[in-house]
């Protein structure tokens, strides 16, 4: 049985949220954390790791936020878990 860390769980929540956005719109870490009642201080760390592994892109500024770096259909659950927890 595979057990997910809390960070991996939060990463999957964030990726689902971003995959459901229309027109590749971005979301802030605060917006995602508040909508799913996750720790606001942990979400930016999770999203930054997803950016570093190439699953997300980030843009700073007033219209900034996080967005998927490629189409959602090409990103697997395994990709997200490995980005956060390392290889299985």
N, C-alpha and C. Protein backbone atom coordinates (compact mmCIF):
# COMPACT_ATOMS: atom_id res chain seq x y z
N UNK A 1 0.84 -1.17 0.00
CA UNK A 1 0.00 0.00 0.00
C UNK A 1 0.89 1.25 0.00
N UNK A 2 0.58 2.17 -0.87
CA UNK A 2 1.33 3.41 -0.98
C UNK A 2 0.73 4.46 -0.06
N UNK A 3 1.56 5.04 0.78
CA UNK A 3 1.11 6.12 1.66
C UNK A 3 1.68 7.43 1.16
N UNK A 4 0.81 8.40 1.06
CA UNK A 4 1.24 9.72 0.59
C UNK A 4 1.59 10.61 1.77
N UNK A 5 2.61 11.42 1.57
CA UNK A 5 2.92 12.43 2.58
C UNK A 5 1.88 13.54 2.47
N UNK A 6 1.80 14.36 3.50
CA UNK A 6 0.87 15.50 3.45
C UNK A 6 1.23 16.43 2.30
N UNK A 7 2.54 16.62 2.06
CA UNK A 7 2.95 17.49 0.97
C UNK A 7 2.49 16.94 -0.37
N UNK A 8 2.59 15.64 -0.57
CA UNK A 8 2.14 15.04 -1.83
C UNK A 8 0.62 15.19 -1.96
N UNK A 9 -0.08 15.03 -0.86
CA UNK A 9 -1.53 15.21 -0.87
C UNK A 9 -1.89 16.64 -1.26
N UNK A 10 -1.21 17.61 -0.68
CA UNK A 10 -1.46 19.01 -1.02
C UNK A 10 -1.09 19.31 -2.47
N UNK A 11 -0.02 18.68 -2.95
CA UNK A 11 0.39 18.88 -4.34
C UNK A 11 -0.67 18.37 -5.30
N UNK A 12 -1.25 17.22 -4.99
CA UNK A 12 -2.31 16.67 -5.85
C UNK A 12 -3.55 17.57 -5.83
N UNK A 13 -3.87 18.11 -4.68
CA UNK A 13 -4.99 19.04 -4.57
C UNK A 13 -4.74 20.27 -5.43
N UNK A 14 -3.53 20.83 -5.33
CA UNK A 14 -3.19 22.02 -6.10
C UNK A 14 -3.22 21.73 -7.61
N UNK A 15 -2.68 20.60 -8.01
CA UNK A 15 -2.65 20.25 -9.44
C UNK A 15 -4.07 20.06 -9.98
N UNK A 16 -4.94 19.45 -9.19
CA UNK A 16 -6.33 19.29 -9.60
C UNK A 16 -6.99 20.66 -9.77
N UNK A 17 -6.74 21.54 -8.82
CA UNK A 17 -7.30 22.89 -8.88
C UNK A 17 -6.85 23.61 -10.16
N UNK A 18 -5.56 23.55 -10.43
CA UNK A 18 -5.02 24.24 -11.60
C UNK A 18 -5.47 23.58 -12.91
N UNK A 19 -5.67 22.28 -12.90
CA UNK A 19 -6.13 21.58 -14.11
C UNK A 19 -7.57 21.97 -14.46
N UNK A 20 -8.34 22.36 -13.46
CA UNK A 20 -9.73 22.72 -13.70
C UNK A 20 -9.91 24.18 -14.09
N UNK A 21 -8.84 24.97 -14.02
CA UNK A 21 -8.92 26.38 -14.42
C UNK A 21 -9.10 26.48 -15.93
N UNK A 22 -9.88 27.42 -16.35
CA UNK A 22 -10.09 27.64 -17.79
C UNK A 22 -9.05 28.60 -18.33
N UNK A 23 -8.75 28.43 -19.58
CA UNK A 23 -7.83 29.33 -20.30
C UNK A 23 -6.46 29.44 -19.63
N UNK A 24 -6.01 28.37 -18.99
CA UNK A 24 -4.70 28.33 -18.34
C UNK A 24 -4.49 29.50 -17.37
N UNK A 25 -5.56 29.92 -16.73
CA UNK A 25 -5.46 31.00 -15.75
C UNK A 25 -4.64 30.54 -14.56
N UNK A 26 -3.96 31.47 -13.94
CA UNK A 26 -3.12 31.12 -12.80
C UNK A 26 -3.87 31.35 -11.50
N UNK A 27 -3.35 30.72 -10.45
CA UNK A 27 -3.90 30.86 -9.10
C UNK A 27 -2.76 31.11 -8.14
N UNK A 28 -3.05 31.86 -7.11
CA UNK A 28 -2.03 32.11 -6.09
C UNK A 28 -2.03 30.95 -5.09
N UNK A 29 -0.93 30.83 -4.37
CA UNK A 29 -0.83 29.81 -3.33
C UNK A 29 -1.88 30.04 -2.26
N UNK A 30 -2.11 31.30 -1.92
CA UNK A 30 -3.11 31.63 -0.92
C UNK A 30 -4.52 31.22 -1.37
N UNK A 31 -4.83 31.48 -2.63
CA UNK A 31 -6.15 31.12 -3.16
C UNK A 31 -6.38 29.62 -3.06
N UNK A 32 -5.38 28.84 -3.45
CA UNK A 32 -5.52 27.38 -3.41
C UNK A 32 -5.64 26.91 -1.96
N UNK A 33 -4.79 27.40 -1.08
CA UNK A 33 -4.81 26.98 0.32
C UNK A 33 -6.13 27.31 0.99
N UNK A 34 -6.65 28.50 0.74
CA UNK A 34 -7.90 28.90 1.37
C UNK A 34 -9.09 28.10 0.84
N UNK A 35 -9.09 27.82 -0.45
CA UNK A 35 -10.22 27.10 -1.03
C UNK A 35 -10.32 25.66 -0.51
N UNK A 36 -9.18 25.04 -0.24
CA UNK A 36 -9.17 23.64 0.20
C UNK A 36 -8.81 23.48 1.67
N UNK A 37 -8.76 24.59 2.40
CA UNK A 37 -8.50 24.58 3.83
C UNK A 37 -7.20 23.82 4.17
N UNK A 38 -6.13 24.18 3.45
CA UNK A 38 -4.82 23.61 3.71
C UNK A 38 -3.94 24.68 4.33
N UNK A 39 -2.84 24.30 4.96
CA UNK A 39 -1.98 25.31 5.61
C UNK A 39 -1.41 26.32 4.61
N UNK A 40 -1.67 27.58 4.84
CA UNK A 40 -1.23 28.64 3.93
C UNK A 40 0.29 28.71 3.88
N UNK A 41 0.97 28.42 4.99
CA UNK A 41 2.43 28.51 5.00
C UNK A 41 3.10 27.34 4.27
N UNK A 42 2.41 26.23 4.10
CA UNK A 42 2.99 25.06 3.44
C UNK A 42 2.76 25.07 1.92
N UNK A 43 1.65 25.62 1.47
CA UNK A 43 1.31 25.56 0.04
C UNK A 43 2.38 26.19 -0.86
N UNK A 44 2.95 27.36 -0.54
CA UNK A 44 3.99 27.91 -1.44
C UNK A 44 5.20 26.99 -1.58
N UNK A 45 5.56 26.29 -0.52
CA UNK A 45 6.70 25.37 -0.58
C UNK A 45 6.40 24.20 -1.51
N UNK A 46 5.19 23.69 -1.43
CA UNK A 46 4.78 22.58 -2.31
C UNK A 46 4.76 23.05 -3.76
N UNK A 47 4.18 24.21 -4.00
CA UNK A 47 4.11 24.72 -5.37
C UNK A 47 5.48 25.03 -5.94
N UNK A 48 6.39 25.53 -5.11
CA UNK A 48 7.74 25.81 -5.57
C UNK A 48 8.45 24.53 -6.01
N UNK A 49 8.25 23.46 -5.29
CA UNK A 49 8.85 22.18 -5.69
C UNK A 49 8.28 21.71 -7.02
N UNK A 50 7.00 21.92 -7.25
CA UNK A 50 6.39 21.55 -8.52
C UNK A 50 6.92 22.42 -9.66
N UNK A 51 7.23 23.66 -9.38
CA UNK A 51 7.84 24.54 -10.38
C UNK A 51 9.24 24.04 -10.71
N UNK A 52 10.01 23.71 -9.70
CA UNK A 52 11.38 23.25 -9.91
C UNK A 52 11.46 21.95 -10.69
N UNK A 53 10.44 21.11 -10.59
CA UNK A 53 10.44 19.86 -11.34
C UNK A 53 9.78 20.00 -12.71
N UNK A 54 9.31 21.21 -13.02
CA UNK A 54 8.79 21.47 -14.35
C UNK A 54 7.31 21.18 -14.56
N UNK A 55 6.58 20.88 -13.49
CA UNK A 55 5.15 20.61 -13.64
C UNK A 55 4.31 21.88 -13.64
N UNK A 56 4.83 22.93 -13.02
CA UNK A 56 4.13 24.21 -12.96
C UNK A 56 5.04 25.32 -13.46
N UNK A 57 4.42 26.41 -13.83
CA UNK A 57 5.15 27.64 -14.10
C UNK A 57 4.66 28.67 -13.09
N UNK A 58 5.50 29.63 -12.80
CA UNK A 58 5.09 30.68 -11.87
C UNK A 58 5.39 32.03 -12.49
N UNK A 59 4.56 32.99 -12.12
CA UNK A 59 4.73 34.35 -12.60
C UNK A 59 4.50 35.27 -11.41
N UNK A 60 5.42 36.19 -11.19
CA UNK A 60 5.30 37.12 -10.08
C UNK A 60 4.53 38.36 -10.52
N UNK A 61 4.06 39.09 -9.55
CA UNK A 61 3.36 40.33 -9.84
C UNK A 61 1.90 40.27 -9.45
N UNK A 62 1.19 41.35 -9.74
CA UNK A 62 -0.22 41.44 -9.34
C UNK A 62 -1.10 40.45 -10.08
N UNK A 63 -0.76 40.10 -11.27
CA UNK A 63 -1.52 39.10 -12.03
C UNK A 63 -0.80 37.76 -12.06
N UNK A 64 0.15 37.60 -11.17
CA UNK A 64 0.96 36.39 -11.13
C UNK A 64 0.25 35.23 -10.45
N UNK A 65 0.97 34.15 -10.34
CA UNK A 65 0.45 32.95 -9.71
C UNK A 65 1.08 31.73 -10.34
N UNK A 66 0.43 30.61 -10.16
CA UNK A 66 0.93 29.33 -10.66
C UNK A 66 -0.03 28.78 -11.70
N UNK A 67 0.54 28.12 -12.70
CA UNK A 67 -0.26 27.49 -13.76
C UNK A 67 0.46 26.22 -14.20
N UNK A 68 -0.28 25.31 -14.80
CA UNK A 68 0.32 24.09 -15.32
C UNK A 68 1.29 24.44 -16.44
N UNK A 69 2.40 23.73 -16.50
CA UNK A 69 3.40 24.02 -17.53
C UNK A 69 3.10 23.28 -18.83
N UNK A 70 2.21 22.31 -18.77
CA UNK A 70 1.82 21.56 -19.97
C UNK A 70 0.37 21.10 -19.80
N UNK A 71 -0.24 20.56 -20.86
CA UNK A 71 -1.64 20.14 -20.75
C UNK A 71 -1.85 19.12 -19.62
N UNK A 72 -2.97 19.25 -18.95
CA UNK A 72 -3.25 18.40 -17.79
C UNK A 72 -3.28 16.91 -18.15
N UNK A 73 -3.67 16.59 -19.35
CA UNK A 73 -3.73 15.19 -19.77
C UNK A 73 -2.38 14.52 -19.87
N UNK A 74 -1.32 15.29 -19.86
CA UNK A 74 0.02 14.72 -19.96
C UNK A 74 0.73 14.60 -18.61
N UNK A 75 0.06 15.01 -17.55
CA UNK A 75 0.64 14.95 -16.21
C UNK A 75 -0.04 13.82 -15.44
N UNK A 76 0.76 12.90 -14.91
CA UNK A 76 0.20 11.78 -14.17
C UNK A 76 0.30 12.01 -12.66
N UNK A 77 -0.46 11.24 -11.93
CA UNK A 77 -0.39 11.28 -10.46
C UNK A 77 1.03 10.91 -10.02
N UNK A 78 1.62 9.94 -10.69
CA UNK A 78 2.98 9.51 -10.36
C UNK A 78 3.97 10.66 -10.55
N UNK A 79 3.78 11.46 -11.58
CA UNK A 79 4.66 12.63 -11.80
C UNK A 79 4.62 13.56 -10.59
N UNK A 80 3.44 13.80 -10.09
CA UNK A 80 3.26 14.73 -8.97
C UNK A 80 3.87 14.15 -7.70
N UNK A 81 3.59 12.89 -7.42
CA UNK A 81 4.12 12.26 -6.20
C UNK A 81 5.63 12.21 -6.24
N UNK A 82 6.19 11.86 -7.39
CA UNK A 82 7.66 11.79 -7.50
C UNK A 82 8.29 13.18 -7.37
N UNK A 83 7.61 14.20 -7.83
CA UNK A 83 8.14 15.56 -7.69
C UNK A 83 8.24 15.97 -6.23
N UNK A 84 7.35 15.48 -5.40
CA UNK A 84 7.32 15.86 -4.00
C UNK A 84 8.11 14.88 -3.13
N UNK A 85 7.86 13.59 -3.28
CA UNK A 85 8.44 12.58 -2.38
C UNK A 85 9.65 11.86 -2.96
N UNK A 86 9.98 12.12 -4.21
CA UNK A 86 11.09 11.41 -4.84
C UNK A 86 10.62 10.12 -5.48
N UNK A 87 11.54 9.37 -6.07
CA UNK A 87 11.15 8.12 -6.76
C UNK A 87 10.56 7.10 -5.81
N UNK A 88 9.72 6.25 -6.35
CA UNK A 88 9.08 5.20 -5.53
C UNK A 88 10.10 4.19 -5.06
